[in-house]
Amino acid sequence: MQSRLTQLNSDNTTPEQQRVLTKILTGPRGNLDGPFLAWVHSPELADPAQELGAYCRYHSRIPLRLSELAILTTASCWQSQAEWQIHEPIAHQAGVSKEITEAIRLGNEPVFASADEQLVYQLTKALYDTKRIPDSLYSQAVEHFGESALVDLIGILGYYSLVAMTLNAFEVRRNTEQALPFQEP
C-alpha cells in the first residue's frame, strides 16, 4: 500500500503508533491494507476505528455476502479505488455475482436474483442518495433482517464510508498492476 502520508518506520513512530501497528498486524486482518496505513498516524483514532471495523467485517449480524454487497455499493458511491480492489474478490468469494458487481461499479442498477441482495442495495442507495430510508423500505428491512441486524448494516455503511473517505483523502493505493476500477477525477 502507498499513500501521500509520511511512511512510518521504526525511526519515526511513536510508542503509541507502534502499539497500534502491532495490534493491527497481529489481529484478524494481519496487514495494513485499506485505511490502517493512514489511521496509524493517529493512534487515538486507529484503535477504536479498527475495533469497529473488526466488528463490522467479522462479527456483525449481516451475512458476509450482503455486507460485501453493501461495502462495494459504498466503494462505488465514493469512487474508492482501494476499497473496491480489496472487497470485490471477497464479494465474489462470498457469492455476489460478477454481473452485479460490474453493474454497481459502472453506476448501473443491478438485476438481482436474490431478494435480500436487492433489499441491501436499495437501502444503501436510498441512504446515500437521499440521506434517508423511506418508511416502506425501512419496514421491509426490519421485517427481513430485524432491528439489531439493520443497525449493524447501517454501522457497516458508516464505517466503510469512513474507510472510503480516508482512502480517497490520503490517496491510499494498492501496489498492483491491476487497473483502477474508477476513473480518477
Protein backbone atom coordinates (compact mmCIF):
# COMPACT_ATOMS: atom_id res chain seq x y z
CA MET A 1 0.00 0.00 0.00
CA GLN A 2 1.12 3.55 -0.62
CA SER A 3 -0.31 6.93 0.32
CA ARG A 4 0.50 10.61 0.37
CA LEU A 5 1.25 10.42 4.10
CA THR A 6 4.74 10.06 5.52
CA GLN A 7 5.73 6.40 5.57
CA LEU A 8 6.15 5.19 9.12
CA ASN A 9 9.12 3.06 10.13
CA SER A 10 10.97 2.17 13.32
CA ASP A 11 12.80 5.54 13.26
CA ASN A 12 9.75 7.79 13.11
CA THR A 13 6.95 6.02 15.00
CA THR A 14 5.86 6.88 18.50
CA PRO A 15 5.36 4.12 21.06
CA GLU A 16 1.57 4.54 20.66
CA GLN A 17 1.81 4.24 16.87
CA GLN A 18 3.97 1.13 17.27
CA ARG A 19 1.45 -0.36 19.72
CA VAL A 20 -1.40 0.18 17.24
CA LEU A 21 0.67 -1.17 14.35
CA THR A 22 1.41 -4.32 16.33
CA LYS A 23 -2.25 -4.69 17.35
CA ILE A 24 -3.45 -4.41 13.74
CA LEU A 25 -0.76 -6.69 12.33
CA THR A 26 -1.41 -9.41 14.94
CA GLY A 27 -5.22 -9.09 14.70
CA PRO A 28 -7.64 -10.82 12.30
CA ARG A 29 -6.51 -8.69 9.34
CA GLY A 30 -2.78 -9.25 9.69
CA ASN A 31 -1.92 -6.36 7.37
CA LEU A 32 -2.21 -2.61 6.88
CA ASP A 33 -4.39 -2.81 3.77
CA GLY A 34 -7.01 -0.14 3.49
CA PRO A 35 -7.24 2.81 5.86
CA PHE A 36 -4.89 1.49 8.54
CA LEU A 37 -1.88 2.87 6.72
CA ALA A 38 -3.39 6.33 7.31
CA TRP A 39 -5.09 5.78 10.67
CA VAL A 40 -1.90 4.63 12.39
CA HIS A 41 -0.76 8.27 12.14
CA SER A 42 -3.45 8.95 14.76
CA PRO A 43 -3.38 6.05 17.22
CA GLU A 44 -6.30 7.52 19.19
CA LEU A 45 -8.46 7.23 16.04
CA ALA A 46 -6.92 3.99 14.81
CA ASP A 47 -7.68 1.99 17.96
CA PRO A 48 -11.46 2.41 18.11
CA ALA A 49 -11.81 2.56 14.32
CA GLN A 50 -10.06 -0.75 13.78
CA GLU A 51 -12.13 -2.36 16.54
CA LEU A 52 -15.34 -1.08 14.93
CA GLY A 53 -14.07 -2.36 11.58
CA ALA A 54 -13.33 -5.79 13.03
CA TYR A 55 -16.90 -5.98 14.35
CA CYS A 56 -18.42 -4.77 11.07
CA ARG A 57 -16.36 -7.13 8.95
CA TYR A 58 -16.15 -10.28 11.07
CA HIS A 59 -18.91 -10.28 13.68
CA SER A 60 -21.99 -8.37 12.51
CA ARG A 61 -25.43 -9.95 12.14
CA ILE A 62 -25.30 -9.32 8.38
CA PRO A 63 -24.07 -12.31 6.32
CA LEU A 64 -20.76 -11.78 4.52
CA ARG A 65 -22.37 -11.85 1.05
CA LEU A 66 -24.67 -8.97 2.00
CA SER A 67 -22.10 -6.95 3.90
CA GLU A 68 -19.70 -7.18 0.94
CA LEU A 69 -22.50 -6.02 -1.36
CA ALA A 70 -23.04 -3.02 0.93
CA ILE A 71 -19.28 -2.34 1.01
CA LEU A 72 -18.99 -2.41 -2.79
CA THR A 73 -22.00 -0.12 -3.14
CA THR A 74 -20.26 2.23 -0.70
CA ALA A 75 -16.99 1.99 -2.63
CA SER A 76 -18.82 2.84 -5.85
CA CYS A 77 -20.62 5.77 -4.23
CA TRP A 78 -17.28 7.19 -3.03
CA GLN A 79 -15.33 6.00 -6.12
CA SER A 80 -12.87 4.45 -3.67
CA GLN A 81 -10.23 2.62 -5.67
CA ALA A 82 -8.52 0.55 -2.96
CA GLU A 83 -11.77 -0.23 -1.13
CA TRP A 84 -13.17 -1.68 -4.35
CA GLN A 85 -9.98 -3.59 -5.19
CA ILE A 86 -9.82 -5.13 -1.71
CA HIS A 87 -13.51 -6.07 -1.43
CA GLU A 88 -14.51 -7.12 -4.94
CA PRO A 89 -12.76 -10.52 -4.74
CA ILE A 90 -14.17 -11.07 -1.24
CA ALA A 91 -17.67 -10.32 -2.54
CA HIS A 92 -17.24 -12.82 -5.38
CA GLN A 93 -15.97 -15.49 -2.97
CA ALA A 94 -18.97 -14.79 -0.74
CA GLY A 95 -21.39 -15.36 -3.64
CA VAL A 96 -22.09 -11.93 -5.14
CA SER A 97 -22.13 -12.36 -8.92
CA LYS A 98 -19.71 -10.59 -11.23
CA GLU A 99 -22.69 -9.17 -13.17
CA ILE A 100 -23.93 -7.46 -10.01
CA THR A 101 -20.53 -6.08 -9.01
CA GLU A 102 -19.86 -4.80 -12.53
CA ALA A 103 -23.23 -3.03 -12.67
CA ILE A 104 -22.52 -1.40 -9.30
CA ARG A 105 -19.02 -0.36 -10.38
CA LEU A 106 -20.44 1.28 -13.51
CA GLY A 107 -23.17 3.03 -11.52
CA ASN A 108 -25.96 0.99 -13.08
CA GLU A 109 -28.88 -0.66 -11.30
CA PRO A 110 -28.05 -4.37 -10.95
CA VAL A 111 -30.54 -7.13 -11.69
CA PHE A 112 -30.83 -9.22 -8.55
CA ALA A 113 -31.97 -12.83 -8.35
CA SER A 114 -31.92 -12.62 -4.55
CA ALA A 115 -34.46 -10.53 -2.63
CA ASP A 116 -32.09 -9.96 0.30
CA GLU A 117 -29.37 -8.59 -2.03
CA GLN A 118 -31.88 -6.27 -3.67
CA LEU A 119 -33.04 -5.06 -0.26
CA VAL A 120 -29.48 -4.31 0.91
CA TYR A 121 -28.75 -2.47 -2.34
CA GLN A 122 -31.98 -0.43 -2.15
CA LEU A 123 -31.34 0.52 1.49
CA THR A 124 -27.76 1.51 0.75
CA LYS A 125 -28.65 3.55 -2.33
CA ALA A 126 -31.59 5.25 -0.61
CA LEU A 127 -29.45 6.28 2.33
CA TYR A 128 -26.59 7.56 0.15
CA ASP A 129 -28.80 9.24 -2.46
CA THR A 130 -31.49 10.81 -0.26
CA LYS A 131 -29.84 10.63 3.20
CA ARG A 132 -32.97 8.83 4.43
CA ILE A 133 -34.72 5.46 4.22
CA PRO A 134 -38.38 5.65 3.17
CA ASP A 135 -40.90 4.14 5.61
CA SER A 136 -41.91 1.29 3.31
CA LEU A 137 -38.28 0.26 2.69
CA TYR A 138 -37.49 0.57 6.39
CA SER A 139 -40.45 -1.69 7.25
CA GLN A 140 -39.28 -4.29 4.71
CA ALA A 141 -35.77 -4.21 6.17
CA VAL A 142 -36.95 -4.61 9.76
CA GLU A 143 -39.25 -7.46 8.75
CA HIS A 144 -36.47 -9.21 6.82
CA PHE A 145 -33.41 -8.57 9.00
CA GLY A 146 -34.75 -7.45 12.38
CA GLU A 147 -33.83 -4.20 14.09
CA SER A 148 -30.48 -5.35 15.50
CA ALA A 149 -29.19 -6.55 12.13
CA LEU A 150 -30.45 -3.37 10.47
CA VAL A 151 -28.46 -1.33 12.99
CA ASP A 152 -25.43 -3.46 12.08
CA LEU A 153 -25.99 -2.80 8.37
CA ILE A 154 -26.14 0.96 8.91
CA GLY A 155 -22.97 0.65 11.01
CA ILE A 156 -21.26 -1.16 8.12
CA LEU A 157 -22.26 1.64 5.75
CA GLY A 158 -20.98 4.32 8.12
CA TYR A 159 -17.72 2.52 8.81
CA TYR A 160 -16.97 1.85 5.15
CA SER A 161 -17.83 5.45 4.25
CA LEU A 162 -15.15 6.49 6.76
CA VAL A 163 -12.80 3.98 5.12
CA ALA A 164 -13.58 5.33 1.64
CA MET A 165 -13.07 8.94 2.69
CA THR A 166 -9.76 8.04 4.34
CA LEU A 167 -8.54 6.17 1.27
CA ASN A 168 -9.57 9.00 -1.05
CA ALA A 169 -8.23 11.87 1.07
CA PHE A 170 -4.81 10.29 1.55
CA GLU A 171 -4.66 8.67 -1.89
CA VAL A 172 -4.10 5.23 -0.42
CA ARG A 173 -3.39 2.84 -3.28
CA ARG A 174 -2.54 -0.80 -3.58
CA ASN A 175 0.78 -1.68 -5.15
CA THR A 176 -0.69 -3.60 -8.04
CA GLU A 177 -0.69 -3.63 -11.82
CA GLN A 178 -4.47 -4.05 -11.68
CA ALA A 179 -6.34 -1.24 -13.44
CA LEU A 180 -8.17 1.23 -11.21
CA PRO A 181 -11.89 0.41 -11.07
CA PHE A 182 -12.98 4.06 -11.29
CA GLN A 183 -11.83 6.92 -13.47
CA GLU A 184 -9.88 9.47 -11.44
CA PRO A 185 -11.46 12.95 -11.35
